[in-house]
Every structure is written in structure tokens, then in C-alpha cells.
Amino acid sequence: MAWAIIWTQTAWNDLEAVADYISKDSPRYAASFVREIRDASRSLNTLAFRGRVVPEFDDDTNVRELFIKSYRLIYQVTARQIYILGLIHGARDLRALWKKENR
């Protein structure tokens, strides 16, 4: 079964913010990182459950994450779609950040 990958606006904003930050030092590395994130998200269309359950949300086994370098690509698996929910630096407090941003 192939799932449709849907990026939320919040997740796109996260990706753009990370790319902007990295591009201050290296536009080439920023572009490479964006490609790596997008490739990882595309791979979920056939491997939706390859990421681990997000520990902060262990009561919902459909909210999962992939680690790409220092970042957590957080997504939710539904019957036919995968929603990319966010791209968060691994050092950040996920619960506090999502509460602050009303995610």
C-alpha cells in the first residue's frame, strides 16, 4: 500500500526556517539538507512505519519520527495519508515547543 505524503504548513515553515539558518553559512549544504529531508519524507509512502514512535506521544503509535542528522522529522500515519507535522531540532523540548506554538 502506498500512502500519500502531505506536508502541513507548519512543517514547511519548519523546513524553510532550518534551510534559512543553514544557508547563512552554506547555501550548498542547506540545499543538500532540504533534499535529504524531502527524500526521507518521500520514502514514507511505502515505509510508513519505519520511524519510531515519538516518545513524547507514546499514547499515539501513529505519531512517529525519523532522525535526519540533528533533526526529528515528525509525522502521523493515517489510513491513506501521512501528514508531516514538523521538523524539530533534536535538542529542543518537543512538548514545550508544541504547547508554546499551539501545535
PDB file of N, CA and C in Angstrom:
ATOM      1  N   MET A   1       0.846  -1.188   0.000  1.00  0.00           N
ATOM      2  CA  MET A   1       0.000   0.000   0.000  1.00  0.00           C
ATOM      3  C   MET A   1       0.886   1.243   0.000  1.00  0.00           C
ATOM      4  N   ALA A   2       0.530   2.189  -0.822  1.00  0.00           N
ATOM      5  CA  ALA A   2       1.264   3.452  -0.865  1.00  0.00           C
ATOM      6  C   ALA A   2       0.424   4.545  -0.212  1.00  0.00           C
ATOM      7  N   TRP A   3       1.049   5.277   0.685  1.00  0.00           N
ATOM      8  CA  TRP A   3       0.382   6.385   1.359  1.00  0.00           C
ATOM      9  C   TRP A   3       0.704   7.685   0.618  1.00  0.00           C
ATOM     10  N   ALA A   4      -0.232   8.619   0.641  1.00  0.00           N
ATOM     11  CA  ALA A   4       0.019   9.961   0.121  1.00  0.00           C
ATOM     12  C   ALA A   4       0.743  10.750   1.206  1.00  0.00           C
ATOM     13  N   ILE A   5       1.755  11.507   0.821  1.00  0.00           N
ATOM     14  CA  ILE A   5       2.523  12.321   1.759  1.00  0.00           C
ATOM     15  C   ILE A   5       1.995  13.749   1.686  1.00  0.00           C
ATOM     16  N   ILE A   6       1.580  14.274   2.830  1.00  0.00           N
ATOM     17  CA  ILE A   6       1.037  15.629   2.895  1.00  0.00           C
ATOM     18  C   ILE A   6       1.825  16.421   3.934  1.00  0.00           C
ATOM     19  N   TRP A   7       2.461  17.476   3.490  1.00  0.00           N
ATOM     20  CA  TRP A   7       3.196  18.359   4.399  1.00  0.00           C
ATOM     21  C   TRP A   7       2.231  19.409   4.948  1.00  0.00           C
ATOM     22  N   THR A   8       2.200  19.553   6.260  1.00  0.00           N
ATOM     23  CA  THR A   8       1.406  20.638   6.852  1.00  0.00           C
ATOM     24  C   THR A   8       2.158  21.951   6.628  1.00  0.00           C
ATOM     25  N   GLN A   9       1.429  23.048   6.684  1.00  0.00           N
ATOM     26  CA  GLN A   9       2.070  24.356   6.521  1.00  0.00           C
ATOM     27  C   GLN A   9       3.108  24.578   7.614  1.00  0.00           C
ATOM     28  N   THR A  10       2.814  24.129   8.813  1.00  0.00           N
ATOM     29  CA  THR A  10       3.756  24.281   9.920  1.00  0.00           C
ATOM     30  C   THR A  10       5.059  23.545   9.631  1.00  0.00           C
ATOM     31  N   ALA A  11       4.963  22.349   9.092  1.00  0.00           N
ATOM     32  CA  ALA A  11       6.162  21.580   8.764  1.00  0.00           C
ATOM     33  C   ALA A  11       6.969  22.270   7.665  1.00  0.00           C
ATOM     34  N   TRP A  12       6.288  22.822   6.650  1.00  0.00           N
ATOM     35  CA  TRP A  12       7.001  23.563   5.596  1.00  0.00           C
ATOM     36  C   TRP A  12       7.718  24.759   6.196  1.00  0.00           C
ATOM     37  N   ASN A  13       7.037  25.437   7.122  1.00  0.00           N
ATOM     38  CA  ASN A  13       7.662  26.591   7.772  1.00  0.00           C
ATOM     39  C   ASN A  13       8.905  26.165   8.548  1.00  0.00           C
ATOM     40  N   ASP A  14       8.812  25.022   9.230  1.00  0.00           N
ATOM     41  CA  ASP A  14       9.976  24.496   9.956  1.00  0.00           C
ATOM     42  C   ASP A  14      11.133  24.238   8.992  1.00  0.00           C
ATOM     43  N   LEU A  15      10.840  23.580   7.869  1.00  0.00           N
ATOM     44  CA  LEU A  15      11.874  23.257   6.894  1.00  0.00           C
ATOM     45  C   LEU A  15      12.509  24.528   6.325  1.00  0.00           C
ATOM     46  N   GLU A  16      11.698  25.506   6.004  1.00  0.00           N
ATOM     47  CA  GLU A  16      12.227  26.765   5.474  1.00  0.00           C
ATOM     48  C   GLU A  16      13.104  27.475   6.494  1.00  0.00           C
ATOM     49  N   ALA A  17      12.691  27.456   7.761  1.00  0.00           N
ATOM     50  CA  ALA A  17      13.479  28.109   8.812  1.00  0.00           C
ATOM     51  C   ALA A  17      14.835  27.434   8.981  1.00  0.00           C
ATOM     52  N   VAL A  18      14.850  26.113   8.950  1.00  0.00           N
ATOM     53  CA  VAL A  18      16.111  25.377   9.066  1.00  0.00           C
ATOM     54  C   VAL A  18      16.997  25.674   7.855  1.00  0.00           C
ATOM     55  N   ALA A  19      16.421  25.649   6.673  1.00  0.00           N
ATOM     56  CA  ALA A  19      17.194  25.922   5.454  1.00  0.00           C
ATOM     57  C   ALA A  19      17.768  27.339   5.483  1.00  0.00           C
ATOM     58  N   ASP A  20      16.972  28.298   5.910  1.00  0.00           N
ATOM     59  CA  ASP A  20      17.459  29.682   6.002  1.00  0.00           C
ATOM     60  C   ASP A  20      18.615  29.794   6.983  1.00  0.00           C
ATOM     61  N   TYR A  21      18.493  29.113   8.107  1.00  0.00           N
ATOM     62  CA  TYR A  21      19.544  29.152   9.122  1.00  0.00           C
ATOM     63  C   TYR A  21      20.839  28.545   8.593  1.00  0.00           C
ATOM     64  N   ILE A  22      20.732  27.374   7.979  1.00  0.00           N
ATOM     65  CA  ILE A  22      21.925  26.697   7.458  1.00  0.00           C
ATOM     66  C   ILE A  22      22.544  27.486   6.310  1.00  0.00           C
ATOM     67  N   SER A  23      21.703  28.099   5.474  1.00  0.00           N
ATOM     68  CA  SER A  23      22.214  28.798   4.290  1.00  0.00           C
ATOM     69  C   SER A  23      23.040  30.038   4.643  1.00  0.00           C
ATOM     70  N   LYS A  24      22.927  30.529   5.864  1.00  0.00           N
ATOM     71  CA  LYS A  24      23.762  31.669   6.280  1.00  0.00           C
ATOM     72  C   LYS A  24      25.238  31.285   6.229  1.00  0.00           C
ATOM     73  N   ASP A  25      25.534  30.015   6.505  1.00  0.00           N
ATOM     74  CA  ASP A  25      26.905  29.528   6.440  1.00  0.00           C
ATOM     75  C   ASP A  25      27.214  28.826   5.125  1.00  0.00           C
ATOM     76  N   SER A  26      26.219  28.112   4.591  1.00  0.00           N
ATOM     77  CA  SER A  26      26.478  27.327   3.379  1.00  0.00           C
ATOM     78  C   SER A  26      25.191  27.080   2.603  1.00  0.00           C
ATOM     79  N   PRO A  27      24.938  27.876   1.573  1.00  0.00           N
ATOM     80  CA  PRO A  27      23.753  27.631   0.748  1.00  0.00           C
ATOM     81  C   PRO A  27      23.751  26.229   0.127  1.00  0.00           C
ATOM     82  N   ARG A  28      24.919  25.733  -0.224  1.00  0.00           N
ATOM     83  CA  ARG A  28      25.001  24.407  -0.827  1.00  0.00           C
ATOM     84  C   ARG A  28      24.596  23.323   0.186  1.00  0.00           C
ATOM     85  N   TYR A  29      25.088  23.433   1.415  1.00  0.00           N
ATOM     86  CA  TYR A  29      24.735  22.454   2.438  1.00  0.00           C
ATOM     87  C   TYR A  29      23.245  22.555   2.776  1.00  0.00           C
ATOM     88  N   ALA A  30      22.699  23.760   2.792  1.00  0.00           N
ATOM     89  CA  ALA A  30      21.266  23.931   3.059  1.00  0.00           C
ATOM     90  C   ALA A  30      20.435  23.224   1.999  1.00  0.00           C
ATOM     91  N   ALA A  31      20.806  23.389   0.736  1.00  0.00           N
ATOM     92  CA  ALA A  31      20.074  22.732  -0.348  1.00  0.00           C
ATOM     93  C   ALA A  31      20.185  21.218  -0.235  1.00  0.00           C
ATOM     94  N   SER A  32      21.363  20.737   0.116  1.00  0.00           N
ATOM     95  CA  SER A  32      21.571  19.301   0.284  1.00  0.00           C
ATOM     96  C   SER A  32      20.723  18.756   1.435  1.00  0.00           C
ATOM     97  N   PHE A  33      20.667  19.496   2.517  1.00  0.00           N
ATOM     98  CA  PHE A  33      19.880  19.067   3.670  1.00  0.00           C
ATOM     99  C   PHE A  33      18.385  19.022   3.330  1.00  0.00           C
ATOM    100  N   VAL A  34      17.896  20.020   2.621  1.00  0.00           N
ATOM    101  CA  VAL A  34      16.489  20.039   2.206  1.00  0.00           C
ATOM    102  C   VAL A  34      16.188  18.823   1.332  1.00  0.00           C
ATOM    103  N   ARG A  35      17.082  18.509   0.409  1.00  0.00           N
ATOM    104  CA  ARG A  35      16.889  17.310  -0.431  1.00  0.00           C
ATOM    105  C   ARG A  35      16.834  16.049   0.435  1.00  0.00           C
ATOM    106  N   GLU A  36      17.704  15.967   1.414  1.00  0.00           N
ATOM    107  CA  GLU A  36      17.731  14.794   2.290  1.00  0.00           C
ATOM    108  C   GLU A  36      16.429  14.657   3.074  1.00  0.00           C
ATOM    109  N   ILE A  37      15.916  15.759   3.567  1.00  0.00           N
ATOM    110  CA  ILE A  37      14.642  15.746   4.306  1.00  0.00           C
ATOM    111  C   ILE A  37      13.507  15.334   3.373  1.00  0.00           C
ATOM    112  N   ARG A  38      13.453  15.926   2.208  1.00  0.00           N
ATOM    113  CA  ARG A  38      12.381  15.598   1.262  1.00  0.00           C
ATOM    114  C   ARG A  38      12.460  14.147   0.807  1.00  0.00           C
ATOM    115  N   ASP A  39      13.666  13.636   0.573  1.00  0.00           N
ATOM    116  CA  ASP A  39      13.826  12.224   0.204  1.00  0.00           C
ATOM    117  C   ASP A  39      13.335  11.312   1.329  1.00  0.00           C
ATOM    118  N   ALA A  40      13.676  11.655   2.560  1.00  0.00           N
ATOM    119  CA  ALA A  40      13.230  10.854   3.708  1.00  0.00           C
ATOM    120  C   ALA A  40      11.708  10.854   3.794  1.00  0.00           C
ATOM    121  N   SER A  41      11.094  12.012   3.574  1.00  0.00           N
ATOM    122  CA  SER A  41       9.632  12.070   3.644  1.00  0.00           C
ATOM    123  C   SER A  41       8.992  11.271   2.518  1.00  0.00           C
ATOM    124  N   ARG A  42       9.574  11.319   1.334  1.00  0.00           N
ATOM    125  CA  ARG A  42       9.037  10.548   0.201  1.00  0.00           C
ATOM    126  C   ARG A  42       9.116   9.048   0.452  1.00  0.00           C
ATOM    127  N   SER A  43      10.143   8.616   1.158  1.00  0.00           N
ATOM    128  CA  SER A  43      10.309   7.185   1.419  1.00  0.00           C
ATOM    129  C   SER A  43       9.191   6.634   2.289  1.00  0.00           C
ATOM    130  N   LEU A  44       8.491   7.508   2.982  1.00  0.00           N
ATOM    131  CA  LEU A  44       7.412   7.061   3.854  1.00  0.00           C
ATOM    132  C   LEU A  44       6.202   6.554   3.077  1.00  0.00           C
ATOM    133  N   ASN A  45       6.107   6.878   1.792  1.00  0.00           N
ATOM    134  CA  ASN A  45       4.915   6.444   1.052  1.00  0.00           C
ATOM    135  C   ASN A  45       4.821   4.925   0.968  1.00  0.00           C
ATOM    136  N   THR A  46       5.946   4.224   1.127  1.00  0.00           N
ATOM    137  CA  THR A  46       5.890   2.758   1.149  1.00  0.00           C
ATOM    138  C   THR A  46       6.420   2.174   2.458  1.00  0.00           C
ATOM    139  N   LEU A  47       7.081   2.985   3.249  1.00  0.00           N
ATOM    140  CA  LEU A  47       7.665   2.519   4.513  1.00  0.00           C
ATOM    141  C   LEU A  47       7.180   3.374   5.677  1.00  0.00           C
ATOM    142  N   ALA A  48       5.884   3.526   5.799  1.00  0.00           N
ATOM    143  CA  ALA A  48       5.298   4.465   6.758  1.00  0.00           C
ATOM    144  C   ALA A  48       5.669   4.190   8.205  1.00  0.00           C
ATOM    145  N   PHE A  49       5.839   2.948   8.552  1.00  0.00           N
ATOM    146  CA  PHE A  49       6.075   2.620   9.956  1.00  0.00           C
ATOM    147  C   PHE A  49       7.551   2.419  10.285  1.00  0.00           C
ATOM    148  N   ARG A  50       8.429   2.885   9.398  1.00  0.00           N
ATOM    149  CA  ARG A  50       9.859   2.679   9.645  1.00  0.00           C
ATOM    150  C   ARG A  50      10.389   3.574  10.747  1.00  0.00           C
ATOM    151  N   GLY A  51       9.764   4.690  10.983  1.00  0.00           N
ATOM    152  CA  GLY A  51      10.200   5.573  12.065  1.00  0.00           C
ATOM    153  C   GLY A  51       9.718   5.065  13.411  1.00  0.00           C
ATOM    154  N   ARG A  52      10.391   5.516  14.461  1.00  0.00           N
ATOM    155  CA  ARG A  52       9.976   5.086  15.793  1.00  0.00           C
ATOM    156  C   ARG A  52       8.806   5.933  16.279  1.00  0.00           C
ATOM    157  N   VAL A  53       8.076   5.396  17.244  1.00  0.00           N
ATOM    158  CA  VAL A  53       7.000   6.147  17.886  1.00  0.00           C
ATOM    159  C   VAL A  53       7.641   7.307  18.645  1.00  0.00           C
ATOM    160  N   VAL A  54       7.057   8.481  18.540  1.00  0.00           N
ATOM    161  CA  VAL A  54       7.588   9.651  19.243  1.00  0.00           C
ATOM    162  C   VAL A  54       7.386   9.445  20.741  1.00  0.00           C
ATOM    163  N   PRO A  55       8.470   9.408  21.525  1.00  0.00           N
ATOM    164  CA  PRO A  55       8.345   9.105  22.957  1.00  0.00           C
ATOM    165  C   PRO A  55       7.427  10.072  23.707  1.00  0.00           C
ATOM    166  N   GLU A  56       7.425  11.324  23.314  1.00  0.00           N
ATOM    167  CA  GLU A  56       6.570  12.310  23.981  1.00  0.00           C
ATOM    168  C   GLU A  56       5.091  12.034  23.753  1.00  0.00           C
ATOM    169  N   PHE A  57       4.780  11.278  22.714  1.00  0.00           N
ATOM    170  CA  PHE A  57       3.394  10.972  22.380  1.00  0.00           C
ATOM    171  C   PHE A  57       3.188   9.474  22.288  1.00  0.00           C
ATOM    172  N   ASP A  58       3.771   8.726  23.223  1.00  0.00           N
ATOM    173  CA  ASP A  58       3.743   7.268  23.142  1.00  0.00           C
ATOM    174  C   ASP A  58       2.341   6.682  23.271  1.00  0.00           C
ATOM    175  N   ASP A  59       1.368   7.500  23.653  1.00  0.00           N
ATOM    176  CA  ASP A  59      -0.006   7.019  23.693  1.00  0.00           C
ATOM    177  C   ASP A  59      -0.621   6.957  22.289  1.00  0.00           C
ATOM    178  N   ASP A  60       0.044   7.552  21.307  1.00  0.00           N
ATOM    179  CA  ASP A  60      -0.433   7.519  19.922  1.00  0.00           C
ATOM    180  C   ASP A  60       0.659   6.914  19.043  1.00  0.00           C
ATOM    181  N   THR A  61       0.540   5.639  18.749  1.00  0.00           N
ATOM    182  CA  THR A  61       1.574   4.944  17.979  1.00  0.00           C
ATOM    183  C   THR A  61       1.577   5.335  16.502  1.00  0.00           C
ATOM    184  N   ASN A  62       0.650   6.156  16.079  1.00  0.00           N
ATOM    185  CA  ASN A  62       0.640   6.636  14.700  1.00  0.00           C
ATOM    186  C   ASN A  62       1.443   7.910  14.518  1.00  0.00           C
ATOM    187  N   VAL A  63       1.897   8.515  15.613  1.00  0.00           N
ATOM    188  CA  VAL A  63       2.779   9.677  15.521  1.00  0.00           C
ATOM    189  C   VAL A  63       4.197   9.140  15.662  1.00  0.00           C
ATOM    190  N   ARG A  64       4.973   9.309  14.595  1.00  0.00           N
ATOM    191  CA  ARG A  64       6.286   8.676  14.505  1.00  0.00           C
ATOM    192  C   ARG A  64       7.325   9.708  14.077  1.00  0.00           C
ATOM    193  N   GLU A  65       8.583   9.294  14.084  1.00  0.00           N
ATOM    194  CA  GLU A  65       9.643  10.220  13.703  1.00  0.00           C
ATOM    195  C   GLU A  65      10.805   9.492  13.048  1.00  0.00           C
ATOM    196  N   LEU A  66      11.448  10.234  12.169  1.00  0.00           N
ATOM    197  CA  LEU A  66      12.707   9.816  11.574  1.00  0.00           C
ATOM    198  C   LEU A  66      13.762  10.819  12.006  1.00  0.00           C
ATOM    199  N   PHE A  67      14.963  10.347  12.240  1.00  0.00           N
ATOM    200  CA  PHE A  67      16.067  11.237  12.567  1.00  0.00           C
ATOM    201  C   PHE A  67      16.885  11.480  11.304  1.00  0.00           C
ATOM    202  N   ILE A  68      17.056  12.746  10.983  1.00  0.00           N
ATOM    203  CA  ILE A  68      17.903  13.145   9.874  1.00  0.00           C
ATOM    204  C   ILE A  68      18.892  14.151  10.444  1.00  0.00           C
ATOM    205  N   LYS A  69      20.131  13.702  10.547  1.00  0.00           N
ATOM    206  CA  LYS A  69      21.185  14.479  11.202  1.00  0.00           C
ATOM    207  C   LYS A  69      20.715  14.827  12.616  1.00  0.00           C
ATOM    208  N   SER A  70      20.651  16.097  12.971  1.00  0.00           N
ATOM    209  CA  SER A  70      20.248  16.501  14.329  1.00  0.00           C
ATOM    210  C   SER A  70      18.756  16.797  14.445  1.00  0.00           C
ATOM    211  N   TYR A  71      18.007  16.508  13.405  1.00  0.00           N
ATOM    212  CA  TYR A  71      16.597  16.886  13.365  1.00  0.00           C
ATOM    213  C   TYR A  71      15.673  15.686  13.427  1.00  0.00           C
ATOM    214  N   ARG A  72      14.480  15.963  13.946  1.00  0.00           N
ATOM    215  CA  ARG A  72      13.424  14.950  14.047  1.00  0.00           C
ATOM    216  C   ARG A  72      12.330  15.324  13.052  1.00  0.00           C
ATOM    217  N   LEU A  73      12.102  14.463  12.069  1.00  0.00           N
ATOM    218  CA  LEU A  73      11.002  14.649  11.127  1.00  0.00           C
ATOM    219  C   LEU A  73       9.812  13.902  11.714  1.00  0.00           C
ATOM    220  N   ILE A  74       8.834  14.652  12.184  1.00  0.00           N
ATOM    221  CA  ILE A  74       7.702  14.073  12.904  1.00  0.00           C
ATOM    222  C   ILE A  74       6.508  13.993  11.966  1.00  0.00           C
ATOM    223  N   TYR A  75       5.879  12.812  11.960  1.00  0.00           N
ATOM    224  CA  TYR A  75       4.759  12.589  11.043  1.00  0.00           C
ATOM    225  C   TYR A  75       3.694  11.714  11.686  1.00  0.00           C
ATOM    226  N   GLN A  76       2.507  11.775  11.104  1.00  0.00           N
ATOM    227  CA  GLN A  76       1.377  10.981  11.586  1.00  0.00           C
ATOM    228  C   GLN A  76       0.871  10.101  10.453  1.00  0.00           C
ATOM    229  N   VAL A  77       0.696   8.827  10.765  1.00  0.00           N
ATOM    230  CA  VAL A  77       0.197   7.866   9.785  1.00  0.00           C
ATOM    231  C   VAL A  77      -1.306   7.715   9.974  1.00  0.00           C
ATOM    232  N   THR A  78      -2.052   7.877   8.887  1.00  0.00           N
ATOM    233  CA  THR A  78      -3.488   7.623   8.901  1.00  0.00           C
ATOM    234  C   THR A  78      -3.755   6.498   7.895  1.00  0.00           C
ATOM    235  N   ALA A  79      -5.002   6.197   7.657  1.00  0.00           N
ATOM    236  CA  ALA A  79      -5.352   5.074   6.777  1.00  0.00           C
ATOM    237  C   ALA A  79      -4.759   5.210   5.375  1.00  0.00           C
ATOM    238  N   ARG A  80      -4.749   6.415   4.824  1.00  0.00           N
ATOM    239  CA  ARG A  80      -4.288   6.589   3.437  1.00  0.00           C
ATOM    240  C   ARG A  80      -3.278   7.703   3.249  1.00  0.00           C
ATOM    241  N   GLN A  81      -3.065   8.489   4.296  1.00  0.00           N
ATOM    242  CA  GLN A  81      -2.142   9.609   4.183  1.00  0.00           C
ATOM    243  C   GLN A  81      -1.123   9.586   5.310  1.00  0.00           C
ATOM    244  N   ILE A  82      -0.017  10.231   5.023  1.00  0.00           N
ATOM    245  CA  ILE A  82       0.975  10.524   6.042  1.00  0.00           C
ATOM    246  C   ILE A  82       1.087  12.035   6.084  1.00  0.00           C
ATOM    247  N   TYR A  83       0.874  12.588   7.264  1.00  0.00           N
ATOM    248  CA  TYR A  83       0.974  14.025   7.458  1.00  0.00           C
ATOM    249  C   TYR A  83       2.306  14.342   8.102  1.00  0.00           C
ATOM    250  N   ILE A  84       3.109  15.158   7.433  1.00  0.00           N
ATOM    251  CA  ILE A  84       4.361  15.625   8.017  1.00  0.00           C
ATOM    252  C   ILE A  84       3.981  16.775   8.944  1.00  0.00           C
ATOM    253  N   LEU A  85       4.259  16.593  10.229  1.00  0.00           N
ATOM    254  CA  LEU A  85       3.806  17.548  11.241  1.00  0.00           C
ATOM    255  C   LEU A  85       4.849  18.578  11.613  1.00  0.00           C
ATOM    256  N   GLY A  86       6.113  18.202  11.520  1.00  0.00           N
ATOM    257  CA  GLY A  86       7.133  19.160  11.913  1.00  0.00           C
ATOM    258  C   GLY A  86       8.538  18.640  11.704  1.00  0.00           C
ATOM    259  N   LEU A  87       9.468  19.561  11.706  1.00  0.00           N
ATOM    260  CA  LEU A  87      10.892  19.278  11.654  1.00  0.00           C
ATOM    261  C   LEU A  87      11.507  20.044  12.807  1.00  0.00           C
ATOM    262  N   ILE A  88      11.929  19.315  13.824  1.00  0.00           N
ATOM    263  CA  ILE A  88      12.351  19.915  15.081  1.00  0.00           C
ATOM    264  C   ILE A  88      13.782  19.489  15.391  1.00  0.00           C
ATOM    265  N   HIS A  89      14.601  20.427  15.832  1.00  0.00           N
ATOM    266  CA  HIS A  89      15.961  20.068  16.244  1.00  0.00           C
ATOM    267  C   HIS A  89      15.873  19.130  17.440  1.00  0.00           C
ATOM    268  N   GLY A  90      16.709  18.111  17.442  1.00  0.00           N
ATOM    269  CA  GLY A  90      16.674  17.086  18.476  1.00  0.00           C
ATOM    270  C   GLY A  90      16.941  17.595  19.880  1.00  0.00           C
ATOM    271  N   ALA A  91      17.599  18.741  20.024  1.00  0.00           N
ATOM    272  CA  ALA A  91      17.892  19.285  21.348  1.00  0.00           C
ATOM    273  C   ALA A  91      16.705  20.056  21.940  1.00  0.00           C
ATOM    274  N   ARG A  92      15.704  20.309  21.130  1.00  0.00           N
ATOM    275  CA  ARG A  92      14.551  21.084  21.605  1.00  0.00           C
ATOM    276  C   ARG A  92      13.620  20.223  22.439  1.00  0.00           C
ATOM    277  N   ASP A  93      12.921  20.844  23.365  1.00  0.00           N
ATOM    278  CA  ASP A  93      11.901  20.173  24.176  1.00  0.00           C
ATOM    279  C   ASP A  93      10.620  20.161  23.350  1.00  0.00           C
ATOM    280  N   LEU A  94      10.303  19.019  22.778  1.00  0.00           N
ATOM    281  CA  LEU A  94       9.178  18.917  21.843  1.00  0.00           C
ATOM    282  C   LEU A  94       7.859  19.303  22.482  1.00  0.00           C
ATOM    283  N   ARG A  95       7.552  18.768  23.646  1.00  0.00           N
ATOM    284  CA  ARG A  95       6.273  19.095  24.295  1.00  0.00           C
ATOM    285  C   ARG A  95       6.146  20.595  24.562  1.00  0.00           C
ATOM    286  N   ALA A  96       7.183  21.195  25.103  1.00  0.00           N
ATOM    287  CA  ALA A  96       7.144  22.630  25.416  1.00  0.00           C
ATOM    288  C   ALA A  96       7.000  23.458  24.139  1.00  0.00           C
ATOM    289  N   LEU A  97       7.741  23.085  23.102  1.00  0.00           N
ATOM    290  CA  LEU A  97       7.673  23.816  21.838  1.00  0.00           C
ATOM    291  C   LEU A  97       6.282  23.730  21.235  1.00  0.00           C
ATOM    292  N   TRP A  98       5.713  22.515  21.193  1.00  0.00           N
ATOM    293  CA  TRP A  98       4.391  22.363  20.575  1.00  0.00           C
ATOM    294  C   TRP A  98       3.308  23.036  21.403  1.00  0.00           C
ATOM    295  N   LYS A  99       3.460  23.056  22.701  1.00  0.00           N
ATOM    296  CA  LYS A  99       2.479  23.739  23.547  1.00  0.00           C
ATOM    297  C   LYS A  99       2.572  25.250  23.304  1.00  0.00           C
ATOM    298  N   LYS A 100       3.808  25.767  23.256  1.00  0.00           N
ATOM    299  CA  LYS A 100       4.020  27.195  23.020  1.00  0.00           C
ATOM    300  C   LYS A 100       3.457  27.645  21.675  1.00  0.00           C
ATOM    301  N   GLU A 101       3.620  26.787  20.666  1.00  0.00           N
ATOM    302  CA  GLU A 101       3.195  27.134  19.302  1.00  0.00           C
ATOM    303  C   GLU A 101       1.775  26.637  18.983  1.00  0.00           C
ATOM    304  N   ASN A 102       1.086  26.077  19.970  1.00  0.00           N
ATOM    305  CA  ASN A 102      -0.282  25.552  19.775  1.00  0.00           C
ATOM    306  C   ASN A 102      -0.382  24.558  18.623  1.00  0.00           C
ATOM    307  N   ARG A 103       0.560  23.619  18.573  1.00  0.00           N
ATOM    308  CA  ARG A 103       0.530  22.606  17.507  1.00  0.00           C
ATOM    309  C   ARG A 103      -0.385  21.478  17.912  1.00  0.00           C
TER     310      ARG A 103
END
